[in-house]
Amino acid sequence: MDNIKFFKSLADDTRLRCVLLIHQEKELCVCELTEALDTIQPKISRHLAQLRSSGVLLDRRQGQWIFYQIHPELPQWAKDVIEHTYQNSKEYIATSSSRLKIMGERPNRQASVCC
């Protein structure tokens, strides 16, 4: 993992919120992130594609859903950065986290693969 690429991928507000919410929930799909961030689906999908191509996220398909998780093969220093940022940013994602908790019709996870 290139550290410059890693930090650039987290430099955008939407991407950072996605990563922190995914870290908190272990995995989320596009519809959950769209609801949590109150943002349109194409914008979320574009940011998730960037995070996946930079190696920060890993996706898995389950039926019609694609779930995203923090890539389990990230170097430990990168996982530590995400964890430390999450621990110090709970207020930053509080509104998004609340929106996610009250979301109805969330997709069921079957064989969840978490890091």
Protein backbone atom coordinates (compact mmCIF):
# COMPACT_ATOMS: atom_id res chain seq x y z
CA MET A 1 0.00 0.00 0.00
CA ASP A 2 1.39 3.33 -1.11
CA ASN A 3 1.00 5.72 1.83
CA ILE A 4 0.46 8.76 -0.43
CA LYS A 5 -2.33 6.95 -2.30
CA PHE A 6 -3.86 5.83 1.01
CA PHE A 7 -3.96 9.32 2.50
CA LYS A 8 -5.21 10.88 -0.74
CA SER A 9 -8.06 8.38 -0.79
CA LEU A 10 -9.12 9.54 2.70
CA ALA A 11 -8.71 13.26 1.94
CA ASP A 12 -12.24 13.65 0.57
CA ASP A 13 -15.08 14.17 3.08
CA THR A 14 -17.42 11.64 1.46
CA ARG A 15 -14.73 8.96 1.16
CA LEU A 16 -13.60 9.50 4.76
CA ARG A 17 -17.16 9.24 6.06
CA CYS A 18 -17.70 6.06 4.02
CA VAL A 19 -14.54 4.47 5.41
CA LEU A 20 -15.37 5.43 9.01
CA LEU A 21 -18.94 4.14 8.72
CA ILE A 22 -17.78 0.91 7.10
CA HIS A 23 -15.17 0.51 9.84
CA GLN A 24 -17.88 1.03 12.47
CA GLU A 25 -20.40 -1.36 10.89
CA LYS A 26 -17.84 -3.86 9.50
CA GLU A 27 -19.51 -3.73 6.08
CA LEU A 28 -22.13 -1.65 4.28
CA CYS A 29 -23.78 -1.56 0.87
CA VAL A 30 -24.26 1.45 -1.39
CA CYS A 31 -27.90 1.93 -0.37
CA GLU A 32 -26.93 2.10 3.31
CA LEU A 33 -24.21 4.66 2.64
CA THR A 34 -26.56 6.67 0.42
CA GLU A 35 -29.04 6.87 3.28
CA ALA A 36 -26.44 7.53 5.97
CA LEU A 37 -24.74 10.32 4.02
CA ASP A 38 -27.96 11.67 2.47
CA THR A 39 -26.23 11.64 -0.91
CA ILE A 40 -27.16 10.32 -4.35
CA GLN A 41 -26.17 6.80 -5.33
CA PRO A 42 -23.89 7.70 -8.28
CA LYS A 43 -21.75 9.90 -6.03
CA ILE A 44 -21.40 7.16 -3.38
CA SER A 45 -20.64 4.53 -6.02
CA ARG A 46 -17.95 6.73 -7.58
CA HIS A 47 -16.25 7.26 -4.21
CA LEU A 48 -16.48 3.56 -3.31
CA ALA A 49 -14.89 2.66 -6.66
CA GLN A 50 -11.99 4.99 -5.86
CA LEU A 51 -11.57 3.46 -2.41
CA ARG A 52 -11.67 -0.05 -3.88
CA SER A 53 -9.15 0.77 -6.61
CA SER A 54 -6.78 2.32 -4.06
CA GLY A 55 -6.94 -0.88 -2.01
CA VAL A 56 -8.67 0.60 1.03
CA LEU A 57 -11.92 -1.32 0.51
CA LEU A 58 -12.84 -4.81 -0.61
CA ASP A 59 -16.26 -5.67 -2.00
CA ARG A 60 -18.31 -8.84 -2.12
CA ARG A 61 -21.51 -9.65 -3.95
CA GLN A 62 -24.48 -11.23 -2.20
CA GLY A 63 -27.41 -11.59 -4.56
CA GLN A 64 -28.33 -8.10 -5.76
CA TRP A 65 -26.22 -6.41 -3.08
CA ILE A 66 -22.56 -5.44 -3.12
CA PHE A 67 -21.11 -5.02 0.35
CA TYR A 68 -17.95 -3.06 1.12
CA GLN A 69 -15.53 -3.67 3.96
CA ILE A 70 -12.12 -2.42 4.96
CA HIS A 71 -9.64 -4.48 2.97
CA PRO A 72 -8.33 -7.18 5.33
CA GLU A 73 -4.90 -7.10 3.66
CA LEU A 74 -4.29 -3.42 4.39
CA PRO A 75 -0.97 -2.95 6.17
CA GLN A 76 -1.32 -2.69 9.93
CA TRP A 77 -0.25 0.97 9.92
CA ALA A 78 -3.19 1.80 7.60
CA LYS A 79 -5.65 -0.14 9.77
CA ASP A 80 -4.28 1.72 12.78
CA VAL A 81 -4.82 5.08 11.05
CA ILE A 82 -8.44 4.14 10.29
CA GLU A 83 -9.05 2.92 13.85
CA HIS A 84 -7.42 5.97 15.43
CA THR A 85 -9.35 8.31 13.13
CA TYR A 86 -12.60 6.49 13.94
CA GLN A 87 -11.98 6.68 17.70
CA ASN A 88 -11.41 10.43 17.43
CA SER A 89 -14.18 11.17 14.90
CA LYS A 90 -17.34 9.69 16.36
CA GLU A 91 -18.90 13.15 16.58
CA TYR A 92 -17.89 13.77 12.94
CA ILE A 93 -19.97 10.78 11.76
CA ALA A 94 -22.70 10.95 14.46
CA THR A 95 -25.43 12.27 12.15
CA SER A 96 -24.60 9.71 9.46
CA SER A 97 -24.47 6.94 12.02
CA SER A 98 -27.88 7.96 13.40
CA ARG A 99 -29.39 8.03 9.91
CA LEU A 100 -28.06 4.52 9.32
CA LYS A 101 -29.50 3.19 12.59
CA ILE A 102 -33.02 4.36 11.77
CA MET A 103 -32.90 3.18 8.17
CA GLY A 104 -35.62 0.66 7.38
CA GLU A 105 -35.30 -2.22 4.93
CA ARG A 106 -31.56 -2.73 5.36
CA PRO A 107 -30.23 -5.72 3.41
CA ASN A 108 -29.56 -8.93 5.31
CA ARG A 109 -26.02 -10.20 5.45
CA GLN A 110 -25.41 -13.88 5.07
CA ALA A 111 -21.80 -15.07 4.95
CA SER A 112 -20.30 -11.80 6.07
CA VAL A 113 -16.54 -11.55 5.54
CA CYS A 114 -15.09 -9.04 7.96
CA CYS A 115 -11.58 -7.91 8.69
